Amino acid sequence: MSDKGRETPNVDTRDLDTPERLATTGRAVVEGVGHALKGEHETERAAAQYVDRSDAMAIIDTWPEAPKKVAEQMIEKYGAPNEATPTRVFWYRVGPWKRMEVSADPVVHNWPAPHEDFFTQVLDYRIPPEMVHLITMFDGSILVDRTRGEVSARCDSEAANVLGLNMVHEIVTGKRSVEDARETSSQHTVAYNLGRSAPYAERLLFQLPEGGTEGLDKPTIVGPILQQAAGKLKDVVTGDEEEATERRSP
């Protein structure tokens, strides 16, 4: 085996038989149609949950120092989280943020200086599909979810996330090139940490959208394909699957 990689177990998705495959897809389709009829884009069950502040503090007490301190800062600023696991704490719909997550498992990131990414903050914001590559070129820790209509910043502080998201907005609106945004980010990172004026890192400088950012795409499994699936489901239900398979075999 090459020292450049390691063998990994193969994935086999044939563990579900045909009835369960159809049922799995069918459940998701039915529930998706139900949400669409209600005008819902997504549900947020977790936002109704709360973690006792003392329990949250006990969880993060054993974390590495950097994420621990940021988690403490966010609890002080936004209150106890909605969810907590041994390695992550989550908030929903606090301040301008749709979600926030602090993780005890950081990702190393070398731009604009070597640091750890462990703090993610999410906004509803539509990135045009043709511009997603520009956001990735700007900062690999800016994450775009086209279906949900979200953009996330993941860094080591709220100021760094705010700075990144302000630059995303200026790239999307054509105010800055990728190169200009990277240079501005570097300058404002230094200024903020030295206690100098750094407006891009101090607050979000654009108006947040109120819905309509999602990109649900368009169905392509329609017409004859759905008819074929319906026929297959009928074969399964009536017990004629084996006979139907034999009829289709050459």
Protein backbone atom coordinates (compact mmCIF):
# COMPACT_ATOMS: atom_id res chain seq x y z
CA MET A 1 0.00 0.00 0.00
CA SER A 2 1.29 3.46 -0.87
CA ASP A 3 2.34 5.69 2.00
CA LYS A 4 0.28 8.46 0.38
CA GLY A 5 -2.99 6.88 1.41
CA ARG A 6 -4.63 4.06 3.25
CA GLU A 7 -7.13 1.44 2.33
CA THR A 8 -10.67 2.15 3.49
CA PRO A 9 -13.62 -0.23 3.77
CA ASN A 10 -15.81 -0.20 0.71
CA VAL A 11 -19.34 1.16 0.96
CA ASP A 12 -22.18 -1.11 -0.10
CA THR A 13 -25.62 0.51 -0.29
CA ARG A 14 -27.39 -2.75 -1.17
CA ASP A 15 -28.10 -3.56 2.48
CA LEU A 16 -31.71 -2.38 2.08
CA ASP A 17 -34.06 -4.61 0.14
CA THR A 18 -36.32 -3.16 -2.53
CA PRO A 19 -39.38 -2.56 -0.31
CA GLU A 20 -37.31 -0.66 2.25
CA ARG A 21 -35.53 1.36 -0.45
CA LEU A 22 -38.88 2.46 -1.83
CA ALA A 23 -40.27 3.08 1.63
CA THR A 24 -37.25 5.17 2.63
CA THR A 25 -37.54 7.36 -0.42
CA GLY A 26 -41.33 7.44 -0.19
CA ARG A 27 -41.32 8.69 3.40
CA ALA A 28 -38.99 11.55 2.49
CA VAL A 29 -41.03 12.46 -0.59
CA VAL A 30 -44.34 12.44 1.28
CA GLU A 31 -43.00 14.54 4.14
CA GLY A 32 -41.32 16.92 1.69
CA VAL A 33 -44.57 17.44 -0.18
CA GLY A 34 -46.33 18.02 3.15
CA HIS A 35 -43.88 20.75 4.12
CA ALA A 36 -44.20 22.35 0.69
CA LEU A 37 -48.00 22.45 0.98
CA LYS A 38 -47.65 24.19 4.34
CA GLY A 39 -45.23 26.70 2.84
CA GLU A 40 -42.38 25.37 4.99
CA HIS A 41 -38.80 25.29 3.81
CA GLU A 42 -37.29 23.63 6.87
CA THR A 43 -38.18 22.79 10.45
CA GLU A 44 -36.29 23.89 13.57
CA ARG A 45 -37.21 21.52 16.37
CA ALA A 46 -33.94 22.14 18.17
CA ALA A 47 -34.73 25.83 18.62
CA ALA A 48 -37.40 24.86 21.16
CA GLN A 49 -34.88 22.98 23.32
CA TYR A 50 -32.73 24.45 26.09
CA VAL A 51 -29.73 23.25 28.04
CA ASP A 52 -29.30 24.23 31.65
CA ARG A 53 -26.52 26.79 31.91
CA SER A 54 -24.67 24.85 34.61
CA ASP A 55 -24.84 21.68 32.50
CA ALA A 56 -23.43 23.53 29.50
CA MET A 57 -20.60 24.99 31.56
CA ALA A 58 -19.77 21.55 32.92
CA ILE A 59 -19.56 20.15 29.38
CA ILE A 60 -17.19 22.80 28.06
CA ASP A 61 -15.04 22.80 31.21
CA THR A 62 -12.92 19.93 29.87
CA TRP A 63 -12.47 21.41 26.39
CA PRO A 64 -9.26 22.86 24.96
CA GLU A 65 -8.72 26.44 26.11
CA ALA A 66 -9.53 28.31 22.87
CA PRO A 67 -12.98 26.82 22.12
CA LYS A 68 -13.76 26.73 25.84
CA LYS A 69 -13.25 30.49 26.19
CA VAL A 70 -15.31 31.29 23.10
CA ALA A 71 -18.13 29.03 24.30
CA GLU A 72 -18.07 30.84 27.65
CA GLN A 73 -18.18 34.20 25.87
CA MET A 74 -21.19 33.15 23.79
CA ILE A 75 -23.06 31.80 26.83
CA GLU A 76 -22.45 35.11 28.57
CA LYS A 77 -23.60 37.06 25.50
CA TYR A 78 -26.46 34.96 24.12
CA GLY A 79 -27.48 32.76 27.04
CA ALA A 80 -27.40 29.00 27.52
CA PRO A 81 -27.28 26.93 24.32
CA ASN A 82 -30.24 25.05 22.86
CA GLU A 83 -28.31 21.82 22.46
CA ALA A 84 -25.10 20.36 23.86
CA THR A 85 -23.06 17.21 23.31
CA PRO A 86 -19.71 16.29 24.86
CA THR A 87 -17.92 18.02 21.96
CA ARG A 88 -20.35 20.67 20.63
CA VAL A 89 -22.78 23.33 21.79
CA PHE A 90 -25.46 24.89 19.56
CA TRP A 91 -27.62 28.01 19.59
CA TYR A 92 -30.57 28.74 17.28
CA ARG A 93 -32.07 32.11 16.34
CA VAL A 94 -29.99 34.27 18.63
CA GLY A 95 -29.05 37.84 17.73
CA PRO A 96 -28.71 38.04 13.94
CA TRP A 97 -27.64 34.40 13.75
CA LYS A 98 -29.70 31.53 12.43
CA ARG A 99 -27.40 29.02 14.14
CA MET A 100 -24.16 29.01 16.06
CA GLU A 101 -21.90 26.09 16.93
CA VAL A 102 -18.76 25.91 19.04
CA SER A 103 -16.81 22.67 18.67
CA ALA A 104 -14.14 21.12 20.85
CA ASP A 105 -12.66 19.57 17.70
CA PRO A 106 -10.96 22.37 15.74
CA VAL A 107 -9.81 22.51 12.14
CA VAL A 108 -6.39 24.03 11.44
CA HIS A 109 -6.50 26.98 9.03
CA ASN A 110 -3.45 28.94 7.86
CA TRP A 111 -5.07 32.10 6.46
CA PRO A 112 -4.63 34.95 7.19
CA ALA A 113 -2.36 33.49 9.90
CA PRO A 114 -2.15 29.96 11.35
CA HIS A 115 -5.06 29.40 13.74
CA GLU A 116 -7.86 26.98 14.60
CA ASP A 117 -11.43 27.08 13.26
CA PHE A 118 -13.98 25.90 15.82
CA PHE A 119 -16.73 28.54 15.91
CA THR A 120 -19.40 28.51 13.19
CA GLN A 121 -22.08 31.17 12.73
CA VAL A 122 -24.81 30.90 10.11
CA LEU A 123 -26.97 33.43 8.27
CA ASP A 124 -29.80 33.06 5.77
CA TYR A 125 -28.15 34.48 2.65
CA ARG A 126 -28.33 33.49 -0.99
CA ILE A 127 -25.08 33.06 -2.86
CA PRO A 128 -25.78 32.88 -6.61
CA PRO A 129 -24.59 29.44 -7.80
CA GLU A 130 -22.31 31.00 -10.39
CA MET A 131 -20.50 32.91 -7.62
CA VAL A 132 -19.95 30.09 -5.12
CA HIS A 133 -16.47 29.43 -6.50
CA LEU A 134 -15.51 33.03 -5.73
CA ILE A 135 -16.52 32.57 -2.10
CA THR A 136 -14.45 29.39 -1.91
CA MET A 137 -11.47 31.21 -3.44
CA PHE A 138 -11.85 33.99 -0.88
CA ASP A 139 -11.92 31.77 2.21
CA GLY A 140 -12.19 28.00 2.46
CA SER A 141 -13.89 28.35 5.84
CA ILE A 142 -16.87 30.19 4.39
CA LEU A 143 -19.42 27.44 3.75
CA VAL A 144 -22.34 27.76 1.33
CA ASP A 145 -25.51 25.68 1.56
CA ARG A 146 -27.45 26.36 -1.63
CA THR A 147 -30.52 24.29 -0.73
CA ARG A 148 -31.04 25.89 2.67
CA GLY A 149 -30.02 29.28 1.37
CA GLU A 150 -27.36 29.75 4.01
CA VAL A 151 -23.83 31.01 4.32
CA SER A 152 -21.67 30.07 7.30
CA ALA A 153 -18.44 31.51 8.61
CA ARG A 154 -16.17 29.24 10.67
CA CYS A 155 -13.24 30.76 12.49
CA ASP A 156 -11.98 31.42 16.03
CA SER A 157 -14.06 34.44 17.08
CA GLU A 158 -17.28 36.28 16.34
CA ALA A 159 -15.29 39.23 15.00
CA ALA A 160 -13.52 37.01 12.48
CA ASN A 161 -16.83 35.53 11.35
CA VAL A 162 -18.43 38.96 10.98
CA LEU A 163 -15.44 40.15 8.96
CA GLY A 164 -15.65 37.16 6.63
CA LEU A 165 -19.37 37.55 6.06
CA ASN A 166 -19.04 41.26 5.32
CA MET A 167 -16.47 40.41 2.68
CA VAL A 168 -18.79 37.75 1.23
CA HIS A 169 -21.50 40.37 0.81
CA GLU A 170 -19.12 42.75 -0.92
CA ILE A 171 -17.94 40.02 -3.30
CA VAL A 172 -21.51 38.99 -4.14
CA THR A 173 -22.59 42.59 -4.72
CA GLY A 174 -19.56 43.30 -6.90
CA LYS A 175 -17.95 45.81 -4.56
CA ARG A 176 -14.75 43.80 -4.16
CA SER A 177 -12.75 41.22 -6.03
CA VAL A 178 -11.56 38.08 -4.27
CA GLU A 179 -8.04 39.51 -4.03
CA ASP A 180 -9.28 42.80 -2.61
CA ALA A 181 -11.47 41.00 -0.06
CA ARG A 182 -8.54 38.87 1.12
CA GLU A 183 -6.29 41.90 1.53
CA THR A 184 -9.00 43.84 3.36
CA SER A 185 -9.63 40.87 5.65
CA SER A 186 -5.96 40.66 6.55
CA GLN A 187 -5.77 44.37 7.31
CA HIS A 188 -8.90 44.42 9.45
CA THR A 189 -7.87 41.27 11.33
CA VAL A 190 -4.66 42.99 12.45
CA ALA A 191 -6.45 46.25 13.23
CA TYR A 192 -9.16 44.59 15.31
CA ASN A 193 -6.71 42.56 17.37
CA LEU A 194 -4.63 45.68 18.06
CA GLY A 195 -7.69 47.57 19.27
CA ARG A 196 -7.81 49.88 16.26
CA SER A 197 -10.84 50.78 14.18
CA ALA A 198 -11.95 47.76 12.13
CA PRO A 199 -15.57 48.33 11.09
CA TYR A 200 -15.80 45.21 8.95
CA ALA A 201 -15.01 43.08 12.01
CA GLU A 202 -17.24 44.97 14.44
CA ARG A 203 -20.74 44.46 13.02
CA LEU A 204 -22.61 43.13 10.01
CA LEU A 205 -22.75 45.99 7.51
CA PHE A 206 -25.58 44.76 5.32
CA GLN A 207 -29.28 44.18 5.81
CA LEU A 208 -30.19 40.58 6.45
CA PRO A 209 -32.73 39.06 4.05
CA GLU A 210 -36.12 38.06 5.40
CA GLY A 211 -36.74 34.68 3.81
CA GLY A 212 -36.56 33.62 0.19
CA THR A 213 -32.88 32.66 0.21
CA GLU A 214 -33.41 28.92 -0.24
CA GLY A 215 -32.58 27.20 -3.51
CA LEU A 216 -34.77 24.08 -3.67
CA ASP A 217 -33.86 23.27 -7.29
CA LYS A 218 -36.32 21.50 -9.63
CA PRO A 219 -37.52 17.87 -9.68
CA THR A 220 -36.22 15.72 -12.53
CA ILE A 221 -37.66 12.35 -11.46
CA VAL A 222 -41.06 12.84 -13.07
CA GLY A 223 -43.40 11.32 -15.65
CA PRO A 224 -42.29 7.89 -16.91
CA ILE A 225 -39.73 7.48 -14.14
CA LEU A 226 -42.37 7.95 -11.45
CA GLN A 227 -44.66 5.57 -13.32
CA GLN A 228 -41.92 2.95 -13.36
CA ALA A 229 -41.35 3.42 -9.63
CA ALA A 230 -45.08 3.13 -8.98
CA GLY A 231 -45.18 -0.11 -10.96
CA LYS A 232 -42.26 -1.47 -9.00
CA LEU A 233 -43.94 -0.56 -5.72
CA LYS A 234 -47.12 -2.32 -6.86
CA ASP A 235 -45.10 -5.46 -7.68
CA VAL A 236 -43.60 -5.41 -4.21
CA VAL A 237 -46.93 -4.89 -2.45
CA THR A 238 -48.72 -7.62 -4.42
CA GLY A 239 -45.85 -10.08 -4.13
CA ASP A 240 -45.21 -10.11 -7.87
CA GLU A 241 -41.71 -8.62 -7.65
CA GLU A 242 -39.92 -11.82 -8.62
CA GLU A 243 -42.30 -12.46 -11.50
CA ALA A 244 -41.95 -8.88 -12.70
CA THR A 245 -38.16 -9.16 -12.57
CA GLU A 246 -38.25 -12.30 -14.68
CA ARG A 247 -40.47 -10.56 -17.24
CA ARG A 248 -38.00 -7.69 -17.55
CA SER A 249 -34.98 -10.00 -17.87
CA PRO A 250 -33.66 -10.55 -21.45
